[in-house]
Amino acid sequence: ASGRTISLYSIGWFRQAPGLEREFVAAVTRGNSTRYAD
């Protein structure tokens, strides 16, 4: 990240394969909680 500190944000990872919709992969909150796609 640049411009602002990343600690202000929850961050997610998404992925998109050709011909498919963007799908959720994983996320981490500002408080460091996490969630993953199955």
PDB file of all heavy atoms in Angstrom:
ATOM      1  N   ALA A   1       0.830  -1.199   0.000  1.00  0.00           N
ATOM      2  CA  ALA A   1       0.000   0.000   0.000  1.00  0.00           C
ATOM      3  C   ALA A   1       0.865   1.250   0.000  1.00  0.00           C
ATOM      4  O   ALA A   1       1.960   1.267   0.578  1.00  0.00           O
ATOM      5  CB  ALA A   1      -0.919   0.006   1.209  1.00  0.00           C
ATOM      6  N   SER A   2       0.353   2.294  -0.624  1.00  0.00           N
ATOM      7  CA  SER A   2       0.986   3.609  -0.567  1.00  0.00           C
ATOM      8  C   SER A   2      -0.106   4.659  -0.519  1.00  0.00           C
ATOM      9  O   SER A   2      -1.260   4.389  -0.870  1.00  0.00           O
ATOM     10  CB  SER A   2       1.898   3.844  -1.783  1.00  0.00           C
ATOM     11  OG  SER A   2       1.154   3.813  -2.974  1.00  0.00           O
ATOM     12  N   GLY A   3       0.260   5.826  -0.072  1.00  0.00           N
ATOM     13  CA  GLY A   3      -0.702   6.908   0.023  1.00  0.00           C
ATOM     14  C   GLY A   3      -1.305   7.054   1.405  1.00  0.00           C
ATOM     15  O   GLY A   3      -1.494   8.156   1.895  1.00  0.00           O
ATOM     16  N   ARG A   4      -1.664   5.940   2.001  1.00  0.00           N
ATOM     17  CA  ARG A   4      -2.182   5.919   3.356  1.00  0.00           C
ATOM     18  C   ARG A   4      -1.717   4.626   4.021  1.00  0.00           C
ATOM     19  O   ARG A   4      -1.380   3.653   3.354  1.00  0.00           O
ATOM     20  CB  ARG A   4      -3.708   6.002   3.392  1.00  0.00           C
ATOM     21  CG  ARG A   4      -4.276   7.275   2.782  1.00  0.00           C
ATOM     22  CD  ARG A   4      -5.735   7.460   3.162  1.00  0.00           C
ATOM     23  NE  ARG A   4      -5.891   7.930   4.534  1.00  0.00           N
ATOM     24  CZ  ARG A   4      -7.065   8.104   5.128  1.00  0.00           C
ATOM     25  NH1 ARG A   4      -8.179   7.801   4.488  1.00  0.00           N
ATOM     26  NH2 ARG A   4      -7.124   8.547   6.377  1.00  0.00           N
ATOM     27  N   THR A   5      -1.736   4.616   5.339  1.00  0.00           N
ATOM     28  CA  THR A   5      -1.295   3.425   6.048  1.00  0.00           C
ATOM     29  C   THR A   5      -2.312   2.292   5.903  1.00  0.00           C
ATOM     30  O   THR A   5      -3.526   2.507   6.028  1.00  0.00           O
ATOM     31  CB  THR A   5      -1.042   3.723   7.534  1.00  0.00           C
ATOM     32  OG1 THR A   5      -0.728   2.494   8.197  1.00  0.00           O
ATOM     33  CG2 THR A   5      -2.253   4.346   8.194  1.00  0.00           C
ATOM     34  N   ILE A   6      -1.796   1.108   5.635  1.00  0.00           N
ATOM     35  CA  ILE A   6      -2.673  -0.028   5.397  1.00  0.00           C
ATOM     36  C   ILE A   6      -3.403  -0.443   6.667  1.00  0.00           C
ATOM     37  O   ILE A   6      -4.411  -1.158   6.601  1.00  0.00           O
ATOM     38  CB  ILE A   6      -1.859  -1.208   4.808  1.00  0.00           C
ATOM     39  CG1 ILE A   6      -2.752  -2.128   3.977  1.00  0.00           C
ATOM     40  CG2 ILE A   6      -1.102  -1.967   5.889  1.00  0.00           C
ATOM     41  CD1 ILE A   6      -1.984  -3.136   3.153  1.00  0.00           C
ATOM     42  N   SER A   7      -2.943   0.001   7.834  1.00  0.00           N
ATOM     43  CA  SER A   7      -3.579  -0.363   9.097  1.00  0.00           C
ATOM     44  C   SER A   7      -4.999   0.212   9.210  1.00  0.00           C
ATOM     45  O   SER A   7      -5.776  -0.239  10.043  1.00  0.00           O
ATOM     46  CB  SER A   7      -2.734   0.113  10.275  1.00  0.00           C
ATOM     47  OG  SER A   7      -2.651   1.525  10.299  1.00  0.00           O
ATOM     48  N   LEU A   8      -5.333   1.180   8.364  1.00  0.00           N
ATOM     49  CA  LEU A   8      -6.663   1.778   8.380  1.00  0.00           C
ATOM     50  C   LEU A   8      -7.713   0.918   7.679  1.00  0.00           C
ATOM     51  O   LEU A   8      -8.908   1.220   7.757  1.00  0.00           O
ATOM     52  CB  LEU A   8      -6.624   3.145   7.705  1.00  0.00           C
ATOM     53  CG  LEU A   8      -5.766   4.220   8.373  1.00  0.00           C
ATOM     54  CD1 LEU A   8      -5.727   5.470   7.503  1.00  0.00           C
ATOM     55  CD2 LEU A   8      -6.306   4.550   9.751  1.00  0.00           C
ATOM     56  N   TYR A   9      -7.263  -0.130   7.006  1.00  0.00           N
ATOM     57  CA  TYR A   9      -8.155  -0.890   6.121  1.00  0.00           C
ATOM     58  C   TYR A   9      -8.184  -2.370   6.455  1.00  0.00           C
ATOM     59  O   TYR A   9      -7.194  -2.948   6.909  1.00  0.00           O
ATOM     60  CB  TYR A   9      -7.695  -0.738   4.666  1.00  0.00           C
ATOM     61  CG  TYR A   9      -7.647   0.689   4.192  1.00  0.00           C
ATOM     62  CD1 TYR A   9      -6.471   1.425   4.289  1.00  0.00           C
ATOM     63  CD2 TYR A   9      -8.774   1.302   3.658  1.00  0.00           C
ATOM     64  CE1 TYR A   9      -6.421   2.742   3.856  1.00  0.00           C
ATOM     65  CE2 TYR A   9      -8.729   2.613   3.222  1.00  0.00           C
ATOM     66  CZ  TYR A   9      -7.549   3.332   3.329  1.00  0.00           C
ATOM     67  OH  TYR A   9      -7.506   4.630   2.911  1.00  0.00           O
ATOM     68  N   SER A  10      -9.334  -2.957   6.194  1.00  0.00           N
ATOM     69  CA  SER A  10      -9.397  -4.402   6.062  1.00  0.00           C
ATOM     70  C   SER A  10      -9.016  -4.733   4.627  1.00  0.00           C
ATOM     71  O   SER A  10      -9.375  -4.000   3.697  1.00  0.00           O
ATOM     72  CB  SER A  10     -10.802  -4.912   6.372  1.00  0.00           C
ATOM     73  OG  SER A  10     -11.134  -4.633   7.707  1.00  0.00           O
ATOM     74  N   ILE A  11      -8.296  -5.824   4.454  1.00  0.00           N
ATOM     75  CA  ILE A  11      -7.774  -6.184   3.137  1.00  0.00           C
ATOM     76  C   ILE A  11      -8.301  -7.541   2.703  1.00  0.00           C
ATOM     77  O   ILE A  11      -8.299  -8.498   3.492  1.00  0.00           O
ATOM     78  CB  ILE A  11      -6.236  -6.223   3.143  1.00  0.00           C
ATOM     79  CG1 ILE A  11      -5.670  -4.872   3.576  1.00  0.00           C
ATOM     80  CG2 ILE A  11      -5.710  -6.628   1.759  1.00  0.00           C
ATOM     81  CD1 ILE A  11      -5.964  -3.720   2.640  1.00  0.00           C
ATOM     82  N   GLY A  12      -8.736  -7.601   1.472  1.00  0.00           N
ATOM     83  CA  GLY A  12      -9.193  -8.864   0.911  1.00  0.00           C
ATOM     84  C   GLY A  12      -8.386  -9.241  -0.312  1.00  0.00           C
ATOM     85  O   GLY A  12      -7.838  -8.376  -1.004  1.00  0.00           O
ATOM     86  N   TRP A  13      -8.319 -10.527  -0.537  1.00  0.00           N
ATOM     87  CA  TRP A  13      -7.761 -11.061  -1.785  1.00  0.00           C
ATOM     88  C   TRP A  13      -8.906 -11.713  -2.559  1.00  0.00           C
ATOM     89  O   TRP A  13      -9.680 -12.486  -1.986  1.00  0.00           O
ATOM     90  CB  TRP A  13      -6.675 -12.098  -1.531  1.00  0.00           C
ATOM     91  CG  TRP A  13      -5.349 -11.538  -1.126  1.00  0.00           C
ATOM     92  CD1 TRP A  13      -4.870 -11.398   0.142  1.00  0.00           C
ATOM     93  CD2 TRP A  13      -4.328 -11.055  -1.993  1.00  0.00           C
ATOM     94  NE1 TRP A  13      -3.607 -10.856   0.115  1.00  0.00           N
ATOM     95  CE2 TRP A  13      -3.243 -10.636  -1.183  1.00  0.00           C
ATOM     96  CE3 TRP A  13      -4.195 -10.947  -3.385  1.00  0.00           C
ATOM     97  CZ2 TRP A  13      -2.059 -10.118  -1.716  1.00  0.00           C
ATOM     98  CZ3 TRP A  13      -3.024 -10.431  -3.913  1.00  0.00           C
ATOM     99  CH2 TRP A  13      -1.972 -10.017  -3.084  1.00  0.00           C
ATOM    100  N   PHE A  14      -8.965 -11.392  -3.830  1.00  0.00           N
ATOM    101  CA  PHE A  14      -9.935 -11.985  -4.733  1.00  0.00           C
ATOM    102  C   PHE A  14      -9.179 -12.519  -5.943  1.00  0.00           C
ATOM    103  O   PHE A  14      -8.058 -12.096  -6.213  1.00  0.00           O
ATOM    104  CB  PHE A  14     -10.961 -10.941  -5.195  1.00  0.00           C
ATOM    105  CG  PHE A  14     -11.885 -10.482  -4.101  1.00  0.00           C
ATOM    106  CD1 PHE A  14     -11.462  -9.569  -3.137  1.00  0.00           C
ATOM    107  CD2 PHE A  14     -13.192 -10.960  -4.031  1.00  0.00           C
ATOM    108  CE1 PHE A  14     -12.311  -9.154  -2.128  1.00  0.00           C
ATOM    109  CE2 PHE A  14     -14.049 -10.544  -3.022  1.00  0.00           C
ATOM    110  CZ  PHE A  14     -13.597  -9.644  -2.077  1.00  0.00           C
ATOM    111  N   ARG A  15      -9.809 -13.433  -6.666  1.00  0.00           N
ATOM    112  CA  ARG A  15      -9.186 -13.927  -7.875  1.00  0.00           C
ATOM    113  C   ARG A  15     -10.232 -14.049  -8.984  1.00  0.00           C
ATOM    114  O   ARG A  15     -11.417 -14.197  -8.718  1.00  0.00           O
ATOM    115  CB  ARG A  15      -8.503 -15.272  -7.640  1.00  0.00           C
ATOM    116  CG  ARG A  15      -9.445 -16.414  -7.287  1.00  0.00           C
ATOM    117  CD  ARG A  15      -8.635 -17.642  -6.876  1.00  0.00           C
ATOM    118  NE  ARG A  15      -9.503 -18.783  -6.570  1.00  0.00           N
ATOM    119  CZ  ARG A  15      -9.057 -19.935  -6.075  1.00  0.00           C
ATOM    120  NH1 ARG A  15      -7.762 -20.093  -5.818  1.00  0.00           N
ATOM    121  NH2 ARG A  15      -9.901 -20.919  -5.820  1.00  0.00           N
ATOM    122  N   GLN A  16      -9.738 -13.956 -10.211  1.00  0.00           N
ATOM    123  CA  GLN A  16     -10.625 -14.057 -11.363  1.00  0.00           C
ATOM    124  C   GLN A  16      -9.944 -14.853 -12.456  1.00  0.00           C
ATOM    125  O   GLN A  16      -8.870 -14.461 -12.943  1.00  0.00           O
ATOM    126  CB  GLN A  16     -11.018 -12.669 -11.875  1.00  0.00           C
ATOM    127  CG  GLN A  16     -12.088 -12.704 -12.950  1.00  0.00           C
ATOM    128  CD  GLN A  16     -12.733 -11.353 -13.178  1.00  0.00           C
ATOM    129  OE1 GLN A  16     -12.192 -10.311 -12.805  1.00  0.00           O
ATOM    130  NE2 GLN A  16     -13.916 -11.356 -13.770  1.00  0.00           N
ATOM    131  N   ALA A  17     -10.558 -15.952 -12.808  1.00  0.00           N
ATOM    132  CA  ALA A  17     -10.079 -16.785 -13.906  1.00  0.00           C
ATOM    133  C   ALA A  17     -10.808 -16.384 -15.180  1.00  0.00           C
ATOM    134  O   ALA A  17     -11.915 -15.833 -15.107  1.00  0.00           O
ATOM    135  CB  ALA A  17     -10.295 -18.249 -13.583  1.00  0.00           C
ATOM    136  N   PRO A  18     -10.232 -16.657 -16.334  1.00  0.00           N
ATOM    137  CA  PRO A  18     -10.869 -16.275 -17.604  1.00  0.00           C
ATOM    138  C   PRO A  18     -12.277 -16.846 -17.724  1.00  0.00           C
ATOM    139  O   PRO A  18     -12.498 -18.037 -17.486  1.00  0.00           O
ATOM    140  CB  PRO A  18      -9.933 -16.876 -18.658  1.00  0.00           C
ATOM    141  CG  PRO A  18      -8.611 -16.944 -17.993  1.00  0.00           C
ATOM    142  CD  PRO A  18      -8.905 -17.258 -16.555  1.00  0.00           C
ATOM    143  N   GLY A  19     -13.217 -15.969 -18.057  1.00  0.00           N
ATOM    144  CA  GLY A  19     -14.597 -16.396 -18.249  1.00  0.00           C
ATOM    145  C   GLY A  19     -15.394 -16.588 -16.980  1.00  0.00           C
ATOM    146  O   GLY A  19     -16.577 -16.931 -17.046  1.00  0.00           O
ATOM    147  N   LEU A  20     -14.764 -16.362 -15.842  1.00  0.00           N
ATOM    148  CA  LEU A  20     -15.459 -16.560 -14.569  1.00  0.00           C
ATOM    149  C   LEU A  20     -15.568 -15.245 -13.819  1.00  0.00           C
ATOM    150  O   LEU A  20     -14.840 -14.290 -14.093  1.00  0.00           O
ATOM    151  CB  LEU A  20     -14.721 -17.589 -13.717  1.00  0.00           C
ATOM    152  CG  LEU A  20     -14.592 -18.984 -14.303  1.00  0.00           C
ATOM    153  CD1 LEU A  20     -13.824 -19.891 -13.345  1.00  0.00           C
ATOM    154  CD2 LEU A  20     -15.957 -19.579 -14.630  1.00  0.00           C
ATOM    155  N   GLU A  21     -16.472 -15.221 -12.848  1.00  0.00           N
ATOM    156  CA  GLU A  21     -16.626 -14.028 -12.031  1.00  0.00           C
ATOM    157  C   GLU A  21     -15.509 -13.955 -10.989  1.00  0.00           C
ATOM    158  O   GLU A  21     -14.895 -14.956 -10.631  1.00  0.00           O
ATOM    159  CB  GLU A  21     -17.989 -14.055 -11.319  1.00  0.00           C
ATOM    160  CG  GLU A  21     -19.168 -13.921 -12.255  1.00  0.00           C
ATOM    161  CD  GLU A  21     -20.479 -13.789 -11.504  1.00  0.00           C
ATOM    162  OE1 GLU A  21     -20.480 -13.882 -10.270  1.00  0.00           O
ATOM    163  OE2 GLU A  21     -21.517 -13.588 -12.177  1.00  0.00           O
ATOM    164  N   ARG A  22     -15.283 -12.742 -10.524  1.00  0.00           N
ATOM    165  CA  ARG A  22     -14.315 -12.543  -9.461  1.00  0.00           C
ATOM    166  C   ARG A  22     -14.812 -13.243  -8.210  1.00  0.00           C
ATOM    167  O   ARG A  22     -15.981 -13.125  -7.841  1.00  0.00           O
ATOM    168  CB  ARG A  22     -14.136 -11.052  -9.206  1.00  0.00           C
ATOM    169  CG  ARG A  22     -13.038 -10.692  -8.246  1.00  0.00           C
ATOM    170  CD  ARG A  22     -12.755  -9.211  -8.292  1.00  0.00           C
ATOM    171  NE  ARG A  22     -12.224  -8.811  -9.601  1.00  0.00           N
ATOM    172  CZ  ARG A  22     -11.746  -7.578  -9.848  1.00  0.00           C
ATOM    173  NH1 ARG A  22     -11.738  -6.669  -8.887  1.00  0.00           N
ATOM    174  NH2 ARG A  22     -11.292  -7.283 -11.042  1.00  0.00           N
ATOM    175  N   GLU A  23     -13.929 -13.988  -7.553  1.00  0.00           N
ATOM    176  CA  GLU A  23     -14.336 -14.721  -6.360  1.00  0.00           C
ATOM    177  C   GLU A  23     -13.438 -14.390  -5.176  1.00  0.00           C
ATOM    178  O   GLU A  23     -12.235 -14.117  -5.323  1.00  0.00           O
ATOM    179  CB  GLU A  23     -14.325 -16.237  -6.613  1.00  0.00           C
ATOM    180  CG  GLU A  23     -12.976 -16.846  -6.853  1.00  0.00           C
ATOM    181  CD  GLU A  23     -13.021 -18.372  -6.860  1.00  0.00           C
ATOM    182  OE1 GLU A  23     -14.059 -18.961  -6.532  1.00  0.00           O
ATOM    183  OE2 GLU A  23     -11.975 -18.976  -7.194  1.00  0.00           O
ATOM    184  N   PHE A  24     -14.034 -14.450  -4.019  1.00  0.00           N
ATOM    185  CA  PHE A  24     -13.345 -14.176  -2.765  1.00  0.00           C
ATOM    186  C   PHE A  24     -12.352 -15.288  -2.467  1.00  0.00           C
ATOM    187  O   PHE A  24     -12.647 -16.466  -2.679  1.00  0.00           O
ATOM    188  CB  PHE A  24     -14.358 -14.066  -1.641  1.00  0.00           C
ATOM    189  CG  PHE A  24     -13.763 -14.044  -0.278  1.00  0.00           C
ATOM    190  CD1 PHE A  24     -13.126 -12.900   0.195  1.00  0.00           C
ATOM    191  CD2 PHE A  24     -13.830 -15.150   0.548  1.00  0.00           C
ATOM    192  CE1 PHE A  24     -12.578 -12.870   1.461  1.00  0.00           C
ATOM    193  CE2 PHE A  24     -13.295 -15.134   1.818  1.00  0.00           C
ATOM    194  CZ  PHE A  24     -12.661 -13.992   2.269  1.00  0.00           C
ATOM    195  N   VAL A  25     -11.183 -14.896  -1.931  1.00  0.00           N
ATOM    196  CA  VAL A  25     -10.160 -15.863  -1.532  1.00  0.00           C
ATOM    197  C   VAL A  25      -9.920 -15.796  -0.027  1.00  0.00           C
ATOM    198  O   VAL A  25     -10.024 -16.801   0.672  1.00  0.00           O
ATOM    199  CB  VAL A  25      -8.836 -15.604  -2.285  1.00  0.00           C
ATOM    200  CG1 VAL A  25      -7.750 -16.550  -1.790  1.00  0.00           C
ATOM    201  CG2 VAL A  25      -9.035 -15.744  -3.789  1.00  0.00           C
ATOM    202  N   ALA A  26      -9.600 -14.607   0.470  1.00  0.00           N
ATOM    203  CA  ALA A  26      -9.267 -14.457   1.891  1.00  0.00           C
ATOM    204  C   ALA A  26      -9.360 -13.000   2.270  1.00  0.00           C
ATOM    205  O   ALA A  26      -9.265 -12.117   1.412  1.00  0.00           O
ATOM    206  CB  ALA A  26      -7.865 -14.990   2.189  1.00  0.00           C
ATOM    207  N   ALA A  27      -9.545 -12.755   3.565  1.00  0.00           N
ATOM    208  CA  ALA A  27      -9.599 -11.387   4.069  1.00  0.00           C
ATOM    209  C   ALA A  27      -8.997 -11.333   5.458  1.00  0.00           C
ATOM    210  O   ALA A  27      -9.060 -12.304   6.218  1.00  0.00           O
ATOM    211  CB  ALA A  27     -11.032 -10.858   4.094  1.00  0.00           C
ATOM    212  N   VAL A  28      -8.431 -10.174   5.765  1.00  0.00           N
ATOM    213  CA  VAL A  28      -7.931  -9.904   7.111  1.00  0.00           C
ATOM    214  C   VAL A  28      -8.431  -8.524   7.514  1.00  0.00           C
ATOM    215  O   VAL A  28      -8.303  -7.561   6.762  1.00  0.00           O
ATOM    216  CB  VAL A  28      -6.387 -10.012   7.179  1.00  0.00           C
ATOM    217  CG1 VAL A  28      -5.699  -9.050   6.227  1.00  0.00           C
ATOM    218  CG2 VAL A  28      -5.901  -9.795   8.610  1.00  0.00           C
ATOM    219  N   THR A  29      -9.021  -8.436   8.692  1.00  0.00           N
ATOM    220  CA  THR A  29      -9.571  -7.171   9.155  1.00  0.00           C
ATOM    221  C   THR A  29      -8.497  -6.313   9.813  1.00  0.00           C
ATOM    222  O   THR A  29      -7.369  -6.747  10.041  1.00  0.00           O
ATOM    223  CB  THR A  29     -10.695  -7.399  10.166  1.00  0.00           C
ATOM    224  OG1 THR A  29     -10.118  -7.947  11.364  1.00  0.00           O
ATOM    225  CG2 THR A  29     -11.749  -8.353   9.630  1.00  0.00           C
ATOM    226  N   ARG A  30      -8.886  -5.083  10.150  1.00  0.00           N
ATOM    227  CA  ARG A  30      -7.969  -4.206  10.870  1.00  0.00           C
ATOM    228  C   ARG A  30      -7.579  -4.808  12.209  1.00  0.00           C
ATOM    229  O   ARG A  30      -6.482  -4.592  12.698  1.00  0.00           O
ATOM    230  CB  ARG A  30      -8.619  -2.833  11.055  1.00  0.00           C
ATOM    231  CG  ARG A  30      -8.683  -2.016   9.786  1.00  0.00           C
ATOM    232  CD  ARG A  30      -9.421  -0.714  10.002  1.00  0.00           C
ATOM    233  NE  ARG A  30     -10.845  -0.931  10.161  1.00  0.00           N
ATOM    234  CZ  ARG A  30     -11.730   0.039  10.333  1.00  0.00           C
ATOM    235  NH1 ARG A  30     -11.321   1.294  10.388  1.00  0.00           N
ATOM    236  NH2 ARG A  30     -13.006  -0.225  10.454  1.00  0.00           N
ATOM    237  N   GLY A  31      -8.500  -5.573  12.786  1.00  0.00           N
ATOM    238  CA  GLY A  31      -8.225  -6.234  14.052  1.00  0.00           C
ATOM    239  C   GLY A  31      -7.553  -7.577  13.916  1.00  0.00           C
ATOM    240  O   GLY A  31      -7.388  -8.289  14.908  1.00  0.00           O
ATOM    241  N   ASN A  32      -7.166  -7.944  12.682  1.00  0.00           N
ATOM    242  CA  ASN A  32      -6.423  -9.165  12.387  1.00  0.00           C
ATOM    243  C   ASN A  32      -7.262 -10.438  12.419  1.00  0.00           C
ATOM    244  O   ASN A  32      -6.713 -11.546  12.508  1.00  0.00           O
ATOM    245  CB  ASN A  32      -5.220  -9.325  13.310  1.00  0.00           C
ATOM    246  CG  ASN A  32      -3.971  -9.748  12.546  1.00  0.00           C
ATOM    247  OD1 ASN A  32      -3.823  -9.492  11.355  1.00  0.00           O
ATOM    248  ND2 ASN A  32      -3.078 -10.442  13.231  1.00  0.00           N
ATOM    249  N   SER A  33      -8.584 -10.298  12.344  1.00  0.00           N
ATOM    250  CA  SER A  33      -9.416 -11.479  12.133  1.00  0.00           C
ATOM    251  C   SER A  33      -9.307 -11.888  10.672  1.00  0.00           C
ATOM    252  O   SER A  33      -9.138 -11.042   9.796  1.00  0.00           O
ATOM    253  CB  SER A  33     -10.864 -11.187  12.489  1.00  0.00           C
ATOM    254  OG  SER A  33     -10.987 -10.900  13.860  1.00  0.00           O
ATOM    255  N   THR A  34      -9.431 -13.189  10.422  1.00  0.00           N
ATOM    256  CA  THR A  34      -9.271 -13.680   9.058  1.00  0.00           C
ATOM    257  C   THR A  34     -10.442 -14.561   8.642  1.00  0.00           C
ATOM    258  O   THR A  34     -11.148 -15.130   9.486  1.00  0.00           O
ATOM    259  CB  THR A  34      -7.973 -14.495   8.903  1.00  0.00           C
ATOM    260  OG1 THR A  34      -8.006 -15.589   9.821  1.00  0.00           O
ATOM    261  CG2 THR A  34      -6.753 -13.635   9.168  1.00  0.00           C
ATOM    262  N   ARG A  35     -10.629 -14.648   7.346  1.00  0.00           N
ATOM    263  CA  ARG A  35     -11.645 -15.534   6.784  1.00  0.00           C
ATOM    264  C   ARG A  35     -11.125 -16.039   5.449  1.00  0.00           C
ATOM    265  O   ARG A  35     -10.447 -15.296   4.725  1.00  0.00           O
ATOM    266  CB  ARG A  35     -12.976 -14.827   6.593  1.00  0.00           C
ATOM    267  CG  ARG A  35     -14.067 -15.777   6.081  1.00  0.00           C
ATOM    268  CD  ARG A  35     -15.394 -15.100   5.927  1.00  0.00           C
ATOM    269  NE  ARG A  35     -16.390 -15.994   5.334  1.00  0.00           N
ATOM    270  CZ  ARG A  35     -17.395 -16.505   6.014  1.00  0.00           C
ATOM    271  NH1 ARG A  35     -17.570 -16.225   7.303  1.00  0.00           N
ATOM    272  NH2 ARG A  35     -18.265 -17.309   5.413  1.00  0.00           N
ATOM    273  N   TYR A  36     -11.462 -17.288   5.137  1.00  0.00           N
ATOM    274  CA  TYR A  36     -11.002 -17.911   3.906  1.00  0.00           C
ATOM    275  C   TYR A  36     -12.163 -18.526   3.144  1.00  0.00           C
ATOM    276  O   TYR A  36     -13.125 -19.002   3.742  1.00  0.00           O
ATOM    277  CB  TYR A  36      -9.980 -19.010   4.209  1.00  0.00           C
ATOM    278  CG  TYR A  36      -8.732 -18.502   4.882  1.00  0.00           C
ATOM    279  CD1 TYR A  36      -8.640 -18.457   6.269  1.00  0.00           C
ATOM    280  CD2 TYR A  36      -7.657 -18.041   4.127  1.00  0.00           C
ATOM    281  CE1 TYR A  36      -7.500 -17.970   6.887  1.00  0.00           C
ATOM    282  CE2 TYR A  36      -6.515 -17.561   4.746  1.00  0.00           C
ATOM    283  CZ  TYR A  36      -6.448 -17.526   6.127  1.00  0.00           C
ATOM    284  OH  TYR A  36      -5.320 -17.038   6.731  1.00  0.00           O
ATOM    285  N   ALA A  37     -12.021 -18.554   1.840  1.00  0.00           N
ATOM    286  CA  ALA A  37     -12.974 -19.300   1.028  1.00  0.00           C
ATOM    287  C   ALA A  37     -12.720 -20.792   1.228  1.00  0.00           C
ATOM    288  O   ALA A  37     -11.571 -21.213   1.451  1.00  0.00           O
ATOM    289  CB  ALA A  37     -12.806 -18.923  -0.441  1.00  0.00           C
ATOM    290  N   ASP A  38     -13.764 -21.588   1.115  1.00  0.00           N
ATOM    291  CA  ASP A  38     -13.631 -23.019   1.353  1.00  0.00           C
ATOM    292  C   ASP A  38     -12.558 -23.677   0.480  1.00  0.00           C
ATOM    293  O   ASP A  38     -11.795 -24.530   0.965  1.00  0.00           O
ATOM    294  CB  ASP A  38     -14.978 -23.710   1.130  1.00  0.00           C
ATOM    295  CG  ASP A  38     -15.969 -23.405   2.249  1.00  0.00           C
ATOM    296  OD1 ASP A  38     -15.534 -22.936   3.320  1.00  0.00           O
ATOM    297  OD2 ASP A  38     -17.172 -23.640   2.049  1.00  0.00           O
TER     298      ASP A  38
END
